[in-house]
C-alpha cells in the first residue's frame, strides 16, 4: 500500500485497515493474513503509550503514518502497531488479529498445536505466528521492507465497533474495529 492511501487519522485508519493484508517475507517463505481486528490509540488517549510523550520505547509511534511500532509486553510476547498520524504526532493502531492467508504451515510451526483460525487471533499470537519482534520496530510498512501492508484480497464483511480489550484507562471508548462473525477475531465477534 502507498502511504498516500492511509488516512491521516488514527480512528479512520483503524477502520480502514480491516480487510487489508499484513505480509512478512522471511527466508523460509511468505507469511500473510487479512487484518480482521484493530484498536485505535489516538492523540490524547490516556491508554496510548504516547500519552506522556516520546520515549525510547515508543518513539516509533511518532514516525509518519505507515511505520511499525513493535513492543514487548507482559514479559512474554510482542505486539505490532501501525503509526497513524503525521511525523512527530504520537498515535498508532494496534493490529489485534489476522485471518491467515499464506505460509500457514510455517505459522503452525511458530504456534505449535494451534488451529488455523487461532494462529493469529490476538496480538501476541499474531506476532508469534508471523515471527515479528522488536527487530521490525520502526520499519516502513509502505516501503521495501520484509514486513509490509498490502491491498485486500477480498472486501471485508460487515465491520463492527466496540470498546477496546484489556485496558483500564478510557476503556469506554469505542475504538476497536473488527470483521463481524470472523472466527479469527480475538474478542467478541458481535
Protein backbone atom coordinates (compact mmCIF):
# COMPACT_ATOMS: atom_id res chain seq x y z
CA UNK A 1 0.00 0.00 0.00
CA UNK A 2 1.09 3.55 -0.62
CA UNK A 3 1.31 5.91 2.33
CA UNK A 4 -0.95 8.35 0.46
CA UNK A 5 -3.77 5.76 0.69
CA UNK A 6 -3.65 5.70 4.50
CA UNK A 7 -5.97 8.14 6.31
CA UNK A 8 -4.14 10.71 8.45
CA UNK A 9 -6.45 9.99 11.39
CA UNK A 10 -5.98 7.18 13.88
CA UNK A 11 -9.63 6.16 14.23
CA UNK A 12 -10.23 6.27 10.47
CA UNK A 13 -7.05 4.26 9.87
CA UNK A 14 -8.11 1.59 12.40
CA UNK A 15 -11.34 1.03 10.45
CA UNK A 16 -9.62 1.37 7.06
CA UNK A 17 -7.12 -1.42 7.84
CA UNK A 18 -9.86 -4.04 8.28
CA UNK A 19 -9.60 -6.36 5.28
CA UNK A 20 -6.12 -5.19 4.24
CA UNK A 21 -3.19 -7.61 4.42
CA UNK A 22 -0.09 -7.78 6.57
CA UNK A 23 2.81 -9.59 4.91
CA UNK A 24 6.13 -10.83 6.28
CA UNK A 25 8.61 -12.08 3.70
CA UNK A 26 11.05 -14.39 5.50
CA UNK A 27 13.92 -16.56 4.24
CA UNK A 28 11.66 -19.58 4.90
CA UNK A 29 8.75 -18.14 2.88
CA UNK A 30 5.95 -15.60 2.87
CA UNK A 31 3.59 -15.26 5.82
CA UNK A 32 0.46 -13.19 5.35
CA UNK A 33 -3.03 -12.60 6.64
CA UNK A 34 -6.07 -10.39 6.31
CA UNK A 35 -6.37 -7.85 9.11
CA UNK A 36 -9.68 -8.62 10.85
CA UNK A 37 -9.35 -6.71 14.14
CA UNK A 38 -7.70 -3.43 15.17
CA UNK A 39 -7.73 -0.93 18.02
CA UNK A 40 -7.13 2.81 17.72
CA UNK A 41 -4.90 4.67 20.21
CA UNK A 42 -5.36 8.29 19.06
CA UNK A 43 -3.68 11.51 20.10
CA UNK A 44 -4.52 12.46 23.69
CA UNK A 45 -5.74 8.96 24.62
CA UNK A 46 -4.67 8.13 28.19
CA UNK A 47 -4.43 4.43 27.20
CA UNK A 48 -1.91 5.17 24.42
CA UNK A 49 1.81 4.59 25.02
CA UNK A 50 2.39 8.09 23.58
CA UNK A 51 0.18 9.86 26.13
CA UNK A 52 3.10 11.12 28.27
CA UNK A 53 5.32 11.95 25.28
CA UNK A 54 8.10 10.37 23.29
CA UNK A 55 10.41 7.82 24.97
CA UNK A 56 13.00 5.33 23.73
CA UNK A 57 10.33 2.61 23.82
CA UNK A 58 7.54 4.44 21.95
CA UNK A 59 9.49 6.64 19.51
CA UNK A 60 8.17 4.69 16.50
CA UNK A 61 4.64 5.89 17.34
CA UNK A 62 5.91 9.36 16.41
CA UNK A 63 7.03 8.34 12.91
CA UNK A 64 4.93 9.19 9.86
CA UNK A 65 1.82 7.03 9.41
CA UNK A 66 2.51 3.59 7.99
CA UNK A 67 5.55 2.74 10.13
CA UNK A 68 5.59 -0.22 12.53
CA UNK A 69 5.63 0.26 16.27
CA UNK A 70 6.60 -3.10 17.80
CA UNK A 71 6.98 -3.56 21.54
CA UNK A 72 7.40 -6.37 24.06
CA UNK A 73 4.58 -6.61 26.59
CA UNK A 74 3.72 -8.61 29.70
CA UNK A 75 7.19 -10.14 29.59
CA UNK A 76 6.26 -12.79 27.05
CA UNK A 77 5.07 -11.52 23.65
CA UNK A 78 5.27 -8.70 21.13
CA UNK A 79 2.57 -6.50 19.62
CA UNK A 80 2.63 -4.68 16.29
CA UNK A 81 1.00 -1.32 15.67
CA UNK A 82 0.84 0.99 12.69
CA UNK A 83 1.85 4.62 13.36
CA UNK A 84 -1.18 6.63 12.33
CA UNK A 85 -0.58 10.36 12.17
CA UNK A 86 1.87 12.88 10.76
CA UNK A 87 5.55 12.73 11.80
CA UNK A 88 6.14 13.79 15.43
CA UNK A 89 2.49 13.16 16.43
CA UNK A 90 2.31 10.07 18.64
CA UNK A 91 -0.58 7.72 17.85
CA UNK A 92 -1.00 4.19 16.50
CA UNK A 93 -3.34 1.37 15.53
CA UNK A 94 -2.83 -1.98 17.24
CA UNK A 95 -3.23 -4.98 14.93
CA UNK A 96 -5.20 -7.43 17.09
CA UNK A 97 -5.95 -10.32 14.72
CA UNK A 98 -5.34 -11.73 11.25
CA UNK A 99 -7.07 -14.34 9.12
CA UNK A 100 -4.14 -16.46 7.81
CA UNK A 101 -3.63 -16.46 4.02
CA UNK A 102 -0.10 -17.60 3.10
CA UNK A 103 2.53 -19.58 4.97
CA UNK A 104 0.05 -21.37 7.20
CA UNK A 105 2.32 -24.41 7.68
CA UNK A 106 5.16 -22.12 8.79
CA UNK A 107 2.80 -20.20 11.11
CA UNK A 108 1.77 -23.53 12.64
CA UNK A 109 5.45 -24.27 13.35
CA UNK A 110 5.69 -20.94 15.19
CA UNK A 111 2.43 -21.62 17.08
CA UNK A 112 2.65 -25.35 17.67
CA UNK A 113 -0.71 -27.06 18.04
CA UNK A 114 -2.83 -24.01 17.12
CA UNK A 115 -5.83 -24.45 14.88
CA UNK A 116 -5.76 -22.36 11.70
CA UNK A 117 -8.30 -19.79 12.92
CA UNK A 118 -6.37 -19.44 16.22
CA UNK A 119 -2.93 -18.87 14.64
CA UNK A 120 -3.09 -15.05 14.69
CA UNK A 121 -6.15 -14.49 16.90
CA UNK A 122 -4.84 -11.91 19.37
CA UNK A 123 -1.89 -9.50 19.26
CA UNK A 124 0.68 -11.88 20.78
CA UNK A 125 -0.41 -14.82 18.67
CA UNK A 126 -0.28 -12.62 15.56
CA UNK A 127 3.33 -11.58 16.10
CA UNK A 128 4.38 -15.10 17.10
CA UNK A 129 2.73 -16.67 14.03
CA UNK A 130 4.32 -14.10 11.69
CA UNK A 131 7.70 -14.08 13.51
CA UNK A 132 7.55 -10.35 14.28
CA UNK A 133 9.59 -8.88 17.12
CA UNK A 134 11.50 -5.70 18.05
CA UNK A 135 13.81 -6.16 15.04
CA UNK A 136 10.97 -4.66 13.00
CA UNK A 137 10.21 -1.66 15.22
CA UNK A 138 10.21 1.45 13.03
CA UNK A 139 10.05 -0.44 9.71
CA UNK A 140 8.23 1.40 6.93
CA UNK A 141 5.22 -0.82 6.20
CA UNK A 142 4.64 1.17 2.98
CA UNK A 143 8.20 0.73 1.72
CA UNK A 144 10.54 -2.03 0.65
CA UNK A 145 10.86 -3.94 3.89
CA UNK A 146 10.36 -7.57 4.92
CA UNK A 147 7.07 -6.58 6.61
CA UNK A 148 4.54 -4.56 4.64
CA UNK A 149 0.88 -3.67 4.25
CA UNK A 150 -0.93 -4.95 1.18
CA UNK A 151 -4.22 -4.35 -0.53
CA UNK A 152 -7.21 -6.56 0.30
CA UNK A 153 -7.57 -9.96 -1.35
CA UNK A 154 -11.34 -9.67 -0.87
CA UNK A 155 -13.61 -6.96 0.51
CA UNK A 156 -14.23 -7.05 4.26
CA UNK A 157 -17.55 -8.23 5.61
CA UNK A 158 -19.63 -6.06 7.92
CA UNK A 159 -17.39 -4.11 10.27
CA UNK A 160 -18.26 -3.94 13.95
CA UNK A 161 -17.14 -1.42 16.56
CA UNK A 162 -16.76 -1.86 20.31
CA UNK A 163 -14.77 -0.89 23.37
CA UNK A 164 -11.10 -1.89 23.39
CA UNK A 165 -9.97 -5.05 25.16
CA UNK A 166 -7.72 -5.42 28.20
CA UNK A 167 -7.27 -1.76 29.15
CA UNK A 168 -8.41 0.26 32.15
CA UNK A 169 -7.85 3.86 31.01
CA UNK A 170 -10.52 5.26 28.68
CA UNK A 171 -11.91 1.73 28.38
CA UNK A 172 -15.38 3.01 27.45
CA UNK A 173 -14.26 4.43 24.09
CA UNK A 174 -15.49 2.55 21.01
CA UNK A 175 -12.09 2.31 19.32
CA UNK A 176 -11.97 -1.41 18.44
CA UNK A 177 -12.90 -2.41 14.88
CA UNK A 178 -13.42 -5.96 13.64
CA UNK A 179 -14.91 -8.00 10.84
CA UNK A 180 -18.19 -9.33 12.25
CA UNK A 181 -18.58 -13.11 12.56
CA UNK A 182 -14.98 -13.81 11.51
CA UNK A 183 -13.66 -16.78 13.55
CA UNK A 184 -10.17 -15.22 13.66
CA UNK A 185 -11.30 -12.19 15.69
CA UNK A 186 -9.82 -12.32 19.19
CA UNK A 187 -12.55 -10.65 21.20
CA UNK A 188 -16.34 -10.59 20.97
CA UNK A 189 -17.37 -11.08 17.34
CA UNK A 190 -20.76 -9.33 17.51
